[in-house]
Amino acid sequence: MLMLLPSILITLLSARWVWRSARETLRLRALRRTGIRVTGEVIDNDAQSRPYYGGALLYPVVRYQLNGTMHQGTIRNWIGKLELGSGVPLLIDPADPYSPAAADRDTVTRGLIAATITLLLCALLTWWAYTIRFH
C-alpha cells in the first residue's frame, strides 16, 4: 500500500499534464487554420518560477500590431529566452488578441508526446505496485 498511493498520485498528475498538453495542441492547430499572421517584437522575457524545478522558465513577451491597434502578450508555446528587439512570426486569434502563439514553433506537440510517455510509465508503475501489493 505504501508504494501504491504515490504511484496513483503520480499517474493522476501525469493524466492532468496530458489533458493540458492535448488542449493546448488542439488550440494551436485551430489557430494555425484561423489565426492572423503578424510579426511581433520581443520586448521582455517573463520568468515564471517553477518551485519543483528549482528555477524559472522564460516566456518571451512580444508587442505587435493587429488591425491598427498595438497589443502585448506572452507567447504561450515558447519556452526559452529570445533576444530583445528580435522579430518573431506570430499567430493571433482575433477573438483573443492578447494570447499570441509562435507561428513556427511546435513545442506543445512535443510536450504532449512527453506527457503521454510519462503517463504510460506511471500507469505501468501503478499496475506493478498493485500486483505486488494484492497478488
Protein backbone atom coordinates (compact mmCIF):
# COMPACT_ATOMS: atom_id res chain seq x y z
CA MET A 1 0.00 0.00 0.00
CA LEU A 2 2.92 2.32 0.73
CA MET A 3 4.06 2.18 -2.89
CA LEU A 4 0.59 2.15 -4.46
CA LEU A 5 -0.63 5.55 -3.23
CA PRO A 6 2.30 7.61 -4.57
CA SER A 7 2.13 5.83 -7.91
CA ILE A 8 -1.61 6.57 -8.18
CA LEU A 9 -0.96 10.23 -7.35
CA ILE A 10 1.83 10.49 -9.93
CA THR A 11 -0.38 8.81 -12.52
CA LEU A 12 -3.19 11.31 -11.86
CA LEU A 13 -0.77 14.23 -12.16
CA SER A 14 0.54 12.78 -15.43
CA ALA A 15 -3.03 12.46 -16.72
CA ARG A 16 -3.59 16.14 -15.91
CA TRP A 17 -0.42 17.02 -17.82
CA VAL A 18 -1.66 15.01 -20.84
CA TRP A 19 -5.04 16.79 -20.68
CA ARG A 20 -3.47 20.26 -20.58
CA SER A 21 -0.98 19.42 -23.35
CA ALA A 22 -3.72 17.98 -25.58
CA ARG A 23 -5.89 21.05 -25.05
CA GLU A 24 -3.01 23.39 -25.97
CA THR A 25 -2.11 21.26 -29.02
CA LEU A 26 -5.70 21.42 -30.30
CA ARG A 27 -5.79 25.18 -29.65
CA LEU A 28 -2.57 25.71 -31.61
CA ARG A 29 -3.78 23.59 -34.55
CA ALA A 30 -7.05 25.53 -34.71
CA LEU A 31 -5.10 28.78 -34.50
CA ARG A 32 -2.97 27.72 -37.48
CA ARG A 33 -6.17 27.41 -39.55
CA THR A 34 -7.97 30.56 -38.40
CA GLY A 35 -5.33 32.83 -36.86
CA ILE A 36 -3.90 36.01 -38.31
CA ARG A 37 -0.15 36.05 -39.02
CA VAL A 38 1.74 39.08 -37.75
CA THR A 39 5.33 39.80 -36.76
CA GLY A 40 5.93 40.71 -33.15
CA GLU A 41 8.86 42.39 -31.46
CA VAL A 42 10.31 40.83 -28.30
CA ILE A 43 10.17 43.42 -25.50
CA ASP A 44 10.83 41.24 -22.44
CA ASN A 45 11.36 37.69 -21.22
CA ASP A 46 8.87 36.79 -18.49
CA ALA A 47 10.35 34.47 -15.85
CA GLN A 48 7.75 32.16 -14.35
CA SER A 49 9.10 30.31 -11.35
CA ARG A 50 8.75 26.55 -11.09
CA PRO A 51 9.43 25.53 -7.49
CA TYR A 52 9.66 21.84 -8.35
CA TYR A 53 12.33 22.58 -10.97
CA GLY A 54 14.24 24.83 -8.63
CA GLY A 55 14.36 27.66 -11.14
CA ALA A 56 12.30 29.58 -13.66
CA LEU A 57 11.11 29.11 -17.22
CA LEU A 58 11.34 32.08 -19.59
CA TYR A 59 8.46 33.08 -21.85
CA PRO A 60 9.03 35.92 -24.35
CA VAL A 61 6.74 38.94 -24.13
CA VAL A 62 6.01 40.45 -27.55
CA ARG A 63 4.40 43.61 -28.86
CA TYR A 64 2.55 43.52 -32.17
CA GLN A 65 0.03 45.45 -34.20
CA LEU A 66 -3.34 43.94 -35.13
CA ASN A 67 -5.95 45.93 -37.09
CA GLY A 68 -4.21 49.20 -36.28
CA THR A 69 -4.07 48.55 -32.52
CA MET A 70 -0.93 47.72 -30.56
CA HIS A 71 -1.16 44.62 -28.38
CA GLN A 72 1.23 42.94 -25.98
CA GLY A 73 1.26 39.38 -24.71
CA THR A 74 3.35 36.42 -23.61
CA ILE A 75 3.99 33.71 -26.19
CA ARG A 76 2.25 30.60 -24.89
CA ASN A 77 4.04 27.94 -26.89
CA TRP A 78 7.64 29.07 -26.43
CA ILE A 79 9.88 28.29 -23.51
CA GLY A 80 13.23 29.98 -23.60
CA LYS A 81 14.88 33.35 -23.89
CA LEU A 82 14.73 35.44 -27.05
CA GLU A 83 16.86 38.49 -27.77
CA LEU A 84 15.14 41.78 -27.00
CA GLY A 85 14.14 43.59 -30.18
CA SER A 86 14.10 40.48 -32.34
CA GLY A 87 11.17 39.78 -34.63
CA VAL A 88 9.00 36.68 -34.16
CA PRO A 89 6.30 35.43 -36.55
CA LEU A 90 3.09 35.08 -34.54
CA LEU A 91 -0.39 33.66 -34.91
CA ILE A 92 -3.13 35.72 -33.29
CA ASP A 93 -6.71 34.69 -32.57
CA PRO A 94 -8.86 37.76 -33.38
CA ALA A 95 -11.21 36.80 -30.51
CA ASP A 96 -8.28 36.72 -28.03
CA PRO A 97 -5.57 39.10 -29.30
CA TYR A 98 -3.60 39.03 -26.03
CA SER A 99 -2.57 35.34 -26.27
CA PRO A 100 -0.10 35.13 -29.15
CA ALA A 101 1.47 31.88 -30.33
CA ALA A 102 4.74 31.47 -32.18
CA ALA A 103 3.82 30.57 -35.76
CA ASP A 104 6.68 28.19 -36.44
CA ARG A 105 7.23 26.65 -33.04
CA ASP A 106 5.62 23.32 -32.11
CA THR A 107 6.83 22.72 -28.56
CA VAL A 108 3.28 21.96 -27.48
CA THR A 109 3.11 18.75 -29.52
CA ARG A 110 6.46 17.63 -28.13
CA GLY A 111 5.11 18.30 -24.65
CA LEU A 112 2.07 16.14 -25.42
CA ILE A 113 4.33 13.28 -26.52
CA ALA A 114 6.43 13.59 -23.35
CA ALA A 115 3.30 13.76 -21.19
CA THR A 116 1.81 10.67 -22.84
CA ILE A 117 5.01 8.66 -22.37
CA THR A 118 5.16 9.75 -18.73
CA LEU A 119 1.52 8.76 -18.21
CA LEU A 120 2.14 5.32 -19.71
CA LEU A 121 5.18 4.76 -17.49
CA CYS A 122 3.28 5.92 -14.40
CA ALA A 123 0.33 3.68 -15.23
CA LEU A 124 2.76 0.77 -15.61
CA LEU A 125 4.29 1.63 -12.22
CA THR A 126 0.82 1.75 -10.64
CA TRP A 127 -0.10 -1.62 -12.15
CA TRP A 128 3.18 -3.08 -10.90
CA ALA A 129 2.61 -1.69 -7.37
CA TYR A 130 -0.93 -3.07 -7.40
CA THR A 131 0.16 -6.56 -8.46
CA ILE A 132 2.89 -6.68 -5.80
CA ARG A 133 0.51 -5.50 -3.08
CA PHE A 134 -2.57 -7.57 -3.89
CA HIS A 135 -1.26 -10.71 -5.62
